[in-house]
Amino acid sequence: MPLLGIGTWELRGKPCERAVRTALEIGYRHIDTAHLYDNHKDIREAMRGFPREQLFLTSKFLPSHLENETIAKSCDRALQELGIDYLDLFLIHYPDRELPMKPMAQELERLKEKGKIRAWGVSNFTVRHLKDMLEWGFSPAANQVEFHPYLYQRELLEYCNKQNIRLIAYRSLGKGALVADPLVEQIAESHGKTITQILLRWAIEKEIPVIPKASSKKHLEENFAIFDFKLKKADVEKLDTLKLQHRFCQTGWSDFEYK
């Protein structure tokens, strides 16, 4: 899995197609999407001409939609809309309070056996949710969560590393709040880099893939230019201490409870 990808939340239609196409031309090879984003077909158009084997595609399904279609049908729909034969990673978008997770894991394992997905994982899961999965005998390949210096989920990261579950970070910039943080600004100035690049690099140095959303060529290039420098150990430690446990992604499932 590439350490840098393009996130496509809220990108649809021609803007999505242009952004993803531009990202691929710059050198991105990891594309993150989901059924909820409603942009699979736009991404398909953007990928035309790029060899499938060079790309890493992640999509997610909504547990709440399982009343209308099975996970297998959800996967088939994603493959058809994206115009591909397999997904590199297929994620349960969030832990559902009402629906049991174990049958979902069983069906995802069957999709992997059939070759429709290379790996499956989860998103927005806590340590408790992951422990449930492991107790049932299932080991998700990845857990995509909100992760940045204001929400440094150290316990979750350490647990995932111990269980060989790759943590993937979304909302790495803290919805813009971190861009105004004086400490981050100071570190950026010392490296001659932008604040955005410092925040992305902070996660990269923890071996955490990041999937920042960007639509302009300027921002896509800025996000891509994070592999020609390293943060000082002291910089990383300072950013680690910023943890405010502030979650910017607040939704109906953000209490992360299910039965």
C-alpha atoms as a PDB file:
ATOM      1  CA  MET A   1       0.000   0.000   0.000  1.00  0.00           C
ATOM      2  CA  PRO A   2       1.501   3.365  -0.993  1.00  0.00           C
ATOM      3  CA  LEU A   3       2.073   5.705   1.935  1.00  0.00           C
ATOM      4  CA  LEU A   4       0.402   8.582   0.088  1.00  0.00           C
ATOM      5  CA  GLY A   5      -2.947   8.511  -1.672  1.00  0.00           C
ATOM      6  CA  ILE A   6      -5.636  10.900  -2.819  1.00  0.00           C
ATOM      7  CA  GLY A   7      -8.824  11.042  -0.783  1.00  0.00           C
ATOM      8  CA  THR A   8     -11.978  11.707  -2.795  1.00  0.00           C
ATOM      9  CA  TRP A   9     -14.636  12.528  -0.194  1.00  0.00           C
ATOM     10  CA  GLU A  10     -16.949  15.272  -1.567  1.00  0.00           C
ATOM     11  CA  LEU A  11     -15.326  15.082  -5.021  1.00  0.00           C
ATOM     12  CA  ARG A  12     -17.833  14.205  -7.730  1.00  0.00           C
ATOM     13  CA  GLY A  13     -18.327  14.611 -11.453  1.00  0.00           C
ATOM     14  CA  LYS A  14     -15.773  16.443 -13.574  1.00  0.00           C
ATOM     15  CA  PRO A  15     -13.973  17.990 -10.556  1.00  0.00           C
ATOM     16  CA  CYS A  16     -13.360  14.478  -9.225  1.00  0.00           C
ATOM     17  CA  GLU A  17     -12.252  13.175 -12.604  1.00  0.00           C
ATOM     18  CA  ARG A  18      -9.829  16.081 -13.088  1.00  0.00           C
ATOM     19  CA  ALA A  19      -8.401  15.821  -9.567  1.00  0.00           C
ATOM     20  CA  VAL A  20      -7.769  12.074  -9.728  1.00  0.00           C
ATOM     21  CA  ARG A  21      -6.354  12.304 -13.253  1.00  0.00           C
ATOM     22  CA  THR A  22      -4.014  15.095 -12.194  1.00  0.00           C
ATOM     23  CA  ALA A  23      -2.949  13.116  -9.125  1.00  0.00           C
ATOM     24  CA  LEU A  24      -2.099  10.088 -11.260  1.00  0.00           C
ATOM     25  CA  GLU A  25      -0.112  12.240 -13.675  1.00  0.00           C
ATOM     26  CA  ILE A  26       1.858  13.675 -10.737  1.00  0.00           C
ATOM     27  CA  GLY A  27       2.672  10.171  -9.512  1.00  0.00           C
ATOM     28  CA  TYR A  28      -0.024   9.171  -7.017  1.00  0.00           C
ATOM     29  CA  ARG A  29      -0.959   5.496  -7.208  1.00  0.00           C
ATOM     30  CA  HIS A  30      -3.312   5.114  -4.243  1.00  0.00           C
ATOM     31  CA  ILE A  31      -6.945   6.203  -4.643  1.00  0.00           C
ATOM     32  CA  ASP A  32      -9.377   6.146  -1.721  1.00  0.00           C
ATOM     33  CA  THR A  33     -13.119   6.135  -2.366  1.00  0.00           C
ATOM     34  CA  ALA A  34     -16.371   4.672  -0.992  1.00  0.00           C
ATOM     35  CA  HIS A  35     -19.955   3.955  -1.985  1.00  0.00           C
ATOM     36  CA  LEU A  36     -20.933   6.924   0.158  1.00  0.00           C
ATOM     37  CA  TYR A  37     -18.813   9.250  -1.994  1.00  0.00           C
ATOM     38  CA  ASP A  38     -20.793   8.411  -5.154  1.00  0.00           C
ATOM     39  CA  ASN A  39     -17.798   8.911  -7.442  1.00  0.00           C
ATOM     40  CA  HIS A  40     -16.720   5.448  -8.602  1.00  0.00           C
ATOM     41  CA  LYS A  41     -17.650   6.188 -12.215  1.00  0.00           C
ATOM     42  CA  ASP A  42     -15.754   9.476 -12.161  1.00  0.00           C
ATOM     43  CA  ILE A  43     -12.654   7.685 -10.886  1.00  0.00           C
ATOM     44  CA  ARG A  44     -13.027   5.070 -13.633  1.00  0.00           C
ATOM     45  CA  GLU A  45     -12.795   7.819 -16.243  1.00  0.00           C
ATOM     46  CA  ALA A  46      -9.772   9.348 -14.516  1.00  0.00           C
ATOM     47  CA  MET A  47      -7.911   6.014 -14.482  1.00  0.00           C
ATOM     48  CA  ARG A  48      -8.207   5.374 -18.222  1.00  0.00           C
ATOM     49  CA  GLY A  49      -4.794   4.673 -19.713  1.00  0.00           C
ATOM     50  CA  PHE A  50      -3.125   3.788 -16.413  1.00  0.00           C
ATOM     51  CA  PRO A  51      -2.237   0.082 -15.935  1.00  0.00           C
ATOM     52  CA  ARG A  52      -4.452  -1.469 -13.276  1.00  0.00           C
ATOM     53  CA  GLU A  53      -1.560  -3.335 -11.684  1.00  0.00           C
ATOM     54  CA  GLN A  54       0.161  -0.022 -10.902  1.00  0.00           C
ATOM     55  CA  LEU A  55      -2.791   1.313  -8.908  1.00  0.00           C
ATOM     56  CA  PHE A  56      -3.977   0.661  -5.359  1.00  0.00           C
ATOM     57  CA  LEU A  57      -7.736   1.123  -5.026  1.00  0.00           C
ATOM     58  CA  THR A  58      -9.595   1.282  -1.730  1.00  0.00           C
ATOM     59  CA  SER A  59     -13.375   1.451  -1.424  1.00  0.00           C
ATOM     60  CA  LYS A  60     -15.797   1.087   1.465  1.00  0.00           C
ATOM     61  CA  PHE A  61     -19.339  -0.156   1.929  1.00  0.00           C
ATOM     62  CA  LEU A  62     -21.987   1.108   4.321  1.00  0.00           C
ATOM     63  CA  PRO A  63     -23.274  -1.457   6.829  1.00  0.00           C
ATOM     64  CA  SER A  64     -26.590   0.419   6.876  1.00  0.00           C
ATOM     65  CA  HIS A  65     -27.114  -0.469   3.197  1.00  0.00           C
ATOM     66  CA  LEU A  66     -26.987  -4.207   3.841  1.00  0.00           C
ATOM     67  CA  GLU A  67     -30.757  -4.313   4.210  1.00  0.00           C
ATOM     68  CA  ASN A  68     -30.952  -3.685   0.460  1.00  0.00           C
ATOM     69  CA  GLU A  69     -27.916  -5.555  -0.887  1.00  0.00           C
ATOM     70  CA  THR A  70     -25.352  -8.082   0.306  1.00  0.00           C
ATOM     71  CA  ILE A  71     -21.691  -7.259   0.715  1.00  0.00           C
ATOM     72  CA  ALA A  72     -21.015  -9.364  -2.384  1.00  0.00           C
ATOM     73  CA  LYS A  73     -23.437  -7.268  -4.436  1.00  0.00           C
ATOM     74  CA  SER A  74     -21.957  -4.096  -2.978  1.00  0.00           C
ATOM     75  CA  CYS A  75     -18.518  -5.268  -4.059  1.00  0.00           C
ATOM     76  CA  ASP A  76     -19.739  -6.214  -7.538  1.00  0.00           C
ATOM     77  CA  ARG A  77     -21.328  -2.790  -7.910  1.00  0.00           C
ATOM     78  CA  ALA A  78     -18.076  -1.086  -6.932  1.00  0.00           C
ATOM     79  CA  LEU A  79     -16.111  -3.200  -9.409  1.00  0.00           C
ATOM     80  CA  GLN A  80     -18.569  -2.477 -12.200  1.00  0.00           C
ATOM     81  CA  GLU A  81     -18.657   1.266 -11.515  1.00  0.00           C
ATOM     82  CA  LEU A  82     -14.862   1.462 -11.270  1.00  0.00           C
ATOM     83  CA  GLY A  83     -14.395  -0.734 -14.336  1.00  0.00           C
ATOM     84  CA  ILE A  84     -11.986  -3.125 -12.615  1.00  0.00           C
ATOM     85  CA  ASP A  85     -11.791  -6.830 -11.743  1.00  0.00           C
ATOM     86  CA  TYR A  86     -10.701  -6.530  -8.124  1.00  0.00           C
ATOM     87  CA  LEU A  87     -10.287  -4.075  -5.253  1.00  0.00           C
ATOM     88  CA  ASP A  88      -6.991  -3.879  -3.425  1.00  0.00           C
ATOM     89  CA  LEU A  89      -8.784  -3.048  -0.180  1.00  0.00           C
ATOM     90  CA  PHE A  90     -12.485  -3.164   0.746  1.00  0.00           C
ATOM     91  CA  LEU A  91     -13.450  -1.619   4.082  1.00  0.00           C
ATOM     92  CA  ILE A  92     -16.415  -1.763   6.438  1.00  0.00           C
ATOM     93  CA  HIS A  93     -17.024   1.991   6.600  1.00  0.00           C
ATOM     94  CA  TYR A  94     -17.895   2.113  10.303  1.00  0.00           C
ATOM     95  CA  PRO A  95     -18.923  -0.124  13.229  1.00  0.00           C
ATOM     96  CA  ASP A  96     -22.699  -0.416  13.167  1.00  0.00           C
ATOM     97  CA  ARG A  97     -24.633  -0.530  16.451  1.00  0.00           C
ATOM     98  CA  GLU A  98     -27.492  -2.547  14.983  1.00  0.00           C
ATOM     99  CA  LEU A  99     -25.774  -5.033  12.668  1.00  0.00           C
ATOM    100  CA  PRO A 100     -23.443  -7.850  13.775  1.00  0.00           C
ATOM    101  CA  MET A 101     -19.903  -7.519  12.437  1.00  0.00           C
ATOM    102  CA  LYS A 102     -18.987 -11.217  12.423  1.00  0.00           C
ATOM    103  CA  PRO A 103     -21.127 -12.173   9.376  1.00  0.00           C
ATOM    104  CA  MET A 104     -19.646  -9.202   7.496  1.00  0.00           C
ATOM    105  CA  ALA A 105     -16.133 -10.478   8.152  1.00  0.00           C
ATOM    106  CA  GLN A 106     -17.147 -13.944   6.988  1.00  0.00           C
ATOM    107  CA  GLU A 107     -18.522 -12.599   3.715  1.00  0.00           C
ATOM    108  CA  LEU A 108     -15.448 -10.437   3.164  1.00  0.00           C
ATOM    109  CA  GLU A 109     -13.251 -13.509   3.582  1.00  0.00           C
ATOM    110  CA  ARG A 110     -15.278 -15.254   0.873  1.00  0.00           C
ATOM    111  CA  LEU A 111     -14.796 -12.290  -1.471  1.00  0.00           C
ATOM    112  CA  LYS A 112     -11.057 -12.495  -0.847  1.00  0.00           C
ATOM    113  CA  GLU A 113     -11.052 -16.218  -1.633  1.00  0.00           C
ATOM    114  CA  LYS A 114     -12.858 -15.494  -4.915  1.00  0.00           C
ATOM    115  CA  GLY A 115     -10.248 -12.901  -5.870  1.00  0.00           C
ATOM    116  CA  LYS A 116     -12.655  -9.970  -5.968  1.00  0.00           C
ATOM    117  CA  ILE A 117     -10.699  -8.200  -3.239  1.00  0.00           C
ATOM    118  CA  ARG A 118      -7.028  -8.541  -2.367  1.00  0.00           C
ATOM    119  CA  ALA A 119      -7.624  -7.586   1.258  1.00  0.00           C
ATOM    120  CA  TRP A 120     -10.373  -6.297   3.521  1.00  0.00           C
ATOM    121  CA  GLY A 121     -10.399  -4.069   6.524  1.00  0.00           C
ATOM    122  CA  VAL A 122     -12.400  -1.673   8.636  1.00  0.00           C
ATOM    123  CA  SER A 123     -12.754   2.043   9.210  1.00  0.00           C
ATOM    124  CA  ASN A 124     -13.451   4.031  12.363  1.00  0.00           C
ATOM    125  CA  PHE A 125     -12.946   0.978  14.590  1.00  0.00           C
ATOM    126  CA  THR A 126     -11.630   1.289  18.135  1.00  0.00           C
ATOM    127  CA  VAL A 127      -9.414  -1.183  19.983  1.00  0.00           C
ATOM    128  CA  ARG A 128     -12.522  -2.823  21.425  1.00  0.00           C
ATOM    129  CA  HIS A 129     -14.024  -3.383  17.987  1.00  0.00           C
ATOM    130  CA  LEU A 130     -10.762  -4.834  16.688  1.00  0.00           C
ATOM    131  CA  LYS A 131     -10.510  -7.172  19.676  1.00  0.00           C
ATOM    132  CA  ASP A 132     -13.969  -8.491  18.830  1.00  0.00           C
ATOM    133  CA  MET A 133     -12.830  -9.259  15.278  1.00  0.00           C
ATOM    134  CA  LEU A 134      -9.705 -11.044  16.444  1.00  0.00           C
ATOM    135  CA  GLU A 135     -11.626 -13.068  19.033  1.00  0.00           C
ATOM    136  CA  TRP A 136     -13.915 -14.253  16.219  1.00  0.00           C
ATOM    137  CA  GLY A 137     -10.849 -15.414  14.296  1.00  0.00           C
ATOM    138  CA  PHE A 138     -10.704 -12.583  11.751  1.00  0.00           C
ATOM    139  CA  SER A 139      -7.806 -10.218  11.207  1.00  0.00           C
ATOM    140  CA  PRO A 140      -8.584  -7.099   9.153  1.00  0.00           C
ATOM    141  CA  ALA A 141      -5.682  -5.871   7.038  1.00  0.00           C
ATOM    142  CA  ALA A 142      -6.294  -2.207   7.801  1.00  0.00           C
ATOM    143  CA  ASN A 143      -8.191   0.260   9.959  1.00  0.00           C
ATOM    144  CA  GLN A 144      -8.795   3.706   8.444  1.00  0.00           C
ATOM    145  CA  VAL A 145      -9.391   6.335  11.117  1.00  0.00           C
ATOM    146  CA  GLU A 146      -9.172  10.048  11.805  1.00  0.00           C
ATOM    147  CA  PHE A 147      -5.589  10.587  12.905  1.00  0.00           C
ATOM    148  CA  HIS A 148      -3.587  13.791  13.373  1.00  0.00           C
ATOM    149  CA  PRO A 149      -1.675  15.547  16.205  1.00  0.00           C
ATOM    150  CA  TYR A 150      -4.929  16.813  17.733  1.00  0.00           C
ATOM    151  CA  LEU A 151      -6.274  13.238  17.752  1.00  0.00           C
ATOM    152  CA  TYR A 152      -3.160  11.172  18.312  1.00  0.00           C
ATOM    153  CA  GLN A 153      -4.666   7.746  18.989  1.00  0.00           C
ATOM    154  CA  ARG A 154      -1.506   6.192  20.386  1.00  0.00           C
ATOM    155  CA  GLU A 155      -3.202   3.201  22.023  1.00  0.00           C
ATOM    156  CA  LEU A 156      -5.024   2.354  18.802  1.00  0.00           C
ATOM    157  CA  LEU A 157      -1.836   2.732  16.742  1.00  0.00           C
ATOM    158  CA  GLU A 158       0.171   0.522  19.085  1.00  0.00           C
ATOM    159  CA  TYR A 159      -2.548  -2.130  19.112  1.00  0.00           C
ATOM    160  CA  CYS A 160      -2.812  -2.127  15.319  1.00  0.00           C
ATOM    161  CA  ASN A 161       0.960  -2.410  14.939  1.00  0.00           C
ATOM    162  CA  LYS A 162       1.042  -5.304  17.397  1.00  0.00           C
ATOM    163  CA  GLN A 163      -1.700  -7.132  15.485  1.00  0.00           C
ATOM    164  CA  ASN A 164      -0.246  -6.353  12.021  1.00  0.00           C
ATOM    165  CA  ILE A 165      -3.233  -4.166  11.151  1.00  0.00           C
ATOM    166  CA  ARG A 166      -2.200  -1.207   9.002  1.00  0.00           C
ATOM    167  CA  LEU A 167      -3.547   2.050  10.395  1.00  0.00           C
ATOM    168  CA  ILE A 168      -4.514   4.529   7.652  1.00  0.00           C
ATOM    169  CA  ALA A 169      -5.034   8.205   8.462  1.00  0.00           C
ATOM    170  CA  TYR A 170      -7.800  10.384   7.126  1.00  0.00           C
ATOM    171  CA  ARG A 171      -8.413  14.061   7.934  1.00  0.00           C
ATOM    172  CA  SER A 172      -4.679  14.445   8.535  1.00  0.00           C
ATOM    173  CA  LEU A 173      -4.921  18.245   8.586  1.00  0.00           C
ATOM    174  CA  GLY A 174      -7.531  18.328  11.340  1.00  0.00           C
ATOM    175  CA  LYS A 175     -10.080  20.037   9.100  1.00  0.00           C
ATOM    176  CA  GLY A 176      -7.780  23.028   8.798  1.00  0.00           C
ATOM    177  CA  ALA A 177      -7.477  23.700  12.535  1.00  0.00           C
ATOM    178  CA  LEU A 178      -3.900  22.443  12.720  1.00  0.00           C
ATOM    179  CA  VAL A 179      -2.849  24.753   9.907  1.00  0.00           C
ATOM    180  CA  ALA A 180      -3.211  27.652  12.359  1.00  0.00           C
ATOM    181  CA  ASP A 181      -1.297  25.996  15.200  1.00  0.00           C
ATOM    182  CA  PRO A 182       1.795  28.054  16.179  1.00  0.00           C
ATOM    183  CA  LEU A 183       3.919  24.979  16.939  1.00  0.00           C
ATOM    184  CA  VAL A 184       3.224  23.384  13.565  1.00  0.00           C
ATOM    185  CA  GLU A 185       3.965  26.704  11.877  1.00  0.00           C
ATOM    186  CA  GLN A 186       7.280  26.971  13.723  1.00  0.00           C
ATOM    187  CA  ILE A 187       8.345  23.468  12.677  1.00  0.00           C
ATOM    188  CA  ALA A 188       7.330  24.151   9.080  1.00  0.00           C
ATOM    189  CA  GLU A 189       9.472  27.300   8.978  1.00  0.00           C
ATOM    190  CA  SER A 190      12.486  25.444  10.367  1.00  0.00           C
ATOM    191  CA  HIS A 191      12.279  22.882   7.544  1.00  0.00           C
ATOM    192  CA  GLY A 192      11.365  25.289   4.773  1.00  0.00           C
ATOM    193  CA  LYS A 193       8.188  23.286   4.190  1.00  0.00           C
ATOM    194  CA  THR A 194       4.482  24.052   4.356  1.00  0.00           C
ATOM    195  CA  ILE A 195       2.344  23.271   7.371  1.00  0.00           C
ATOM    196  CA  THR A 196       0.428  20.716   5.319  1.00  0.00           C
ATOM    197  CA  GLN A 197       3.641  18.899   4.438  1.00  0.00           C
ATOM    198  CA  ILE A 198       4.718  18.798   8.086  1.00  0.00           C
ATOM    199  CA  LEU A 199       1.400  17.289   9.187  1.00  0.00           C
ATOM    200  CA  LEU A 200       1.476  14.637   6.473  1.00  0.00           C
ATOM    201  CA  ARG A 201       5.119  13.854   7.194  1.00  0.00           C
ATOM    202  CA  TRP A 202       4.326  13.393  10.906  1.00  0.00           C
ATOM    203  CA  ALA A 203       2.068  10.469  10.020  1.00  0.00           C
ATOM    204  CA  ILE A 204       4.380   9.092   7.328  1.00  0.00           C
ATOM    205  CA  GLU A 205       7.222   8.825   9.832  1.00  0.00           C
ATOM    206  CA  LYS A 206       4.991   6.580  11.918  1.00  0.00           C
ATOM    207  CA  GLU A 207       4.544   4.396   8.784  1.00  0.00           C
ATOM    208  CA  ILE A 208       0.920   5.509   8.546  1.00  0.00           C
ATOM    209  CA  PRO A 209      -0.470   5.964   5.010  1.00  0.00           C
ATOM    210  CA  VAL A 210      -2.252   9.284   4.476  1.00  0.00           C
ATOM    211  CA  ILE A 211      -5.033  10.077   2.001  1.00  0.00           C
ATOM    212  CA  PRO A 212      -5.470  13.865   1.967  1.00  0.00           C
ATOM    213  CA  LYS A 213      -8.138  15.269  -0.322  1.00  0.00           C
ATOM    214  CA  ALA A 214      -7.033  17.895  -2.821  1.00  0.00           C
ATOM    215  CA  SER A 215      -8.509  19.078  -6.090  1.00  0.00           C
ATOM    216  CA  SER A 216      -6.032  21.651  -7.418  1.00  0.00           C
ATOM    217  CA  LYS A 217      -2.748  20.719  -9.065  1.00  0.00           C
ATOM    218  CA  LYS A 218      -0.926  23.054  -6.676  1.00  0.00           C
ATOM    219  CA  HIS A 219      -2.197  21.290  -3.562  1.00  0.00           C
ATOM    220  CA  LEU A 220      -1.767  17.830  -5.075  1.00  0.00           C
ATOM    221  CA  GLU A 221       1.872  18.632  -5.838  1.00  0.00           C
ATOM    222  CA  GLU A 222       2.332  20.103  -2.360  1.00  0.00           C
ATOM    223  CA  ASN A 223       0.988  16.948  -0.733  1.00  0.00           C
ATOM    224  CA  PHE A 224       3.184  14.784  -2.966  1.00  0.00           C
ATOM    225  CA  ALA A 225       6.402  16.581  -1.974  1.00  0.00           C
ATOM    226  CA  ILE A 226       6.799  14.956   1.440  1.00  0.00           C
ATOM    227  CA  PHE A 227       9.432  12.318   0.738  1.00  0.00           C
ATOM    228  CA  ASP A 228      12.520  14.528   0.369  1.00  0.00           C
ATOM    229  CA  PHE A 229      12.902  15.401   4.050  1.00  0.00           C
ATOM    230  CA  LYS A 230      12.505  13.985   7.543  1.00  0.00           C
ATOM    231  CA  LEU A 231      11.332  15.556  10.761  1.00  0.00           C
ATOM    232  CA  LYS A 232      13.716  15.827  13.676  1.00  0.00           C
ATOM    233  CA  LYS A 233      12.990  13.487  16.555  1.00  0.00           C
ATOM    234  CA  ALA A 234      12.305  16.528  18.738  1.00  0.00           C
ATOM    235  CA  ASP A 235       9.781  17.819  16.185  1.00  0.00           C
ATOM    236  CA  VAL A 236       7.878  14.543  16.207  1.00  0.00           C
ATOM    237  CA  GLU A 237       7.837  14.473  20.000  1.00  0.00           C
ATOM    238  CA  LYS A 238       6.503  18.031  20.158  1.00  0.00           C
ATOM    239  CA  LEU A 239       3.728  17.224  17.690  1.00  0.00           C
ATOM    240  CA  ASP A 240       2.890  14.099  19.687  1.00  0.00           C
ATOM    241  CA  THR A 241       2.207  16.269  22.725  1.00  0.00           C
ATOM    242  CA  LEU A 242      -0.400  18.385  20.918  1.00  0.00           C
ATOM    243  CA  LYS A 243      -3.017  15.699  21.462  1.00  0.00           C
ATOM    244  CA  LEU A 244      -6.279  17.353  22.424  1.00  0.00           C
ATOM    245  CA  GLN A 245      -8.352  14.247  21.693  1.00  0.00           C
ATOM    246  CA  HIS A 246     -10.470  16.395  19.420  1.00  0.00           C
ATOM    247  CA  ARG A 247     -12.413  14.522  16.759  1.00  0.00           C
ATOM    248  CA  PHE A 248     -13.418  16.650  13.770  1.00  0.00           C
ATOM    249  CA  CYS A 249     -15.374  13.931  11.994  1.00  0.00           C
ATOM    250  CA  GLN A 250     -18.600  13.922  14.015  1.00  0.00           C
ATOM    251  CA  THR A 251     -21.371  11.712  12.646  1.00  0.00           C
ATOM    252  CA  GLY A 252     -24.285   9.646  13.843  1.00  0.00           C
ATOM    253  CA  TRP A 253     -21.935   6.771  14.563  1.00  0.00           C
ATOM    254  CA  SER A 254     -19.151   8.788  16.186  1.00  0.00           C
ATOM    255  CA  ASP A 255     -19.817   7.306  19.616  1.00  0.00           C
ATOM    256  CA  PHE A 256     -18.488   4.088  18.083  1.00  0.00           C
ATOM    257  CA  GLU A 257     -20.909   1.862  19.961  1.00  0.00           C
ATOM    258  CA  TYR A 258     -22.610  -1.224  18.651  1.00  0.00           C
ATOM    259  CA  LYS A 259     -23.898  -4.481  20.077  1.00  0.00           C
END
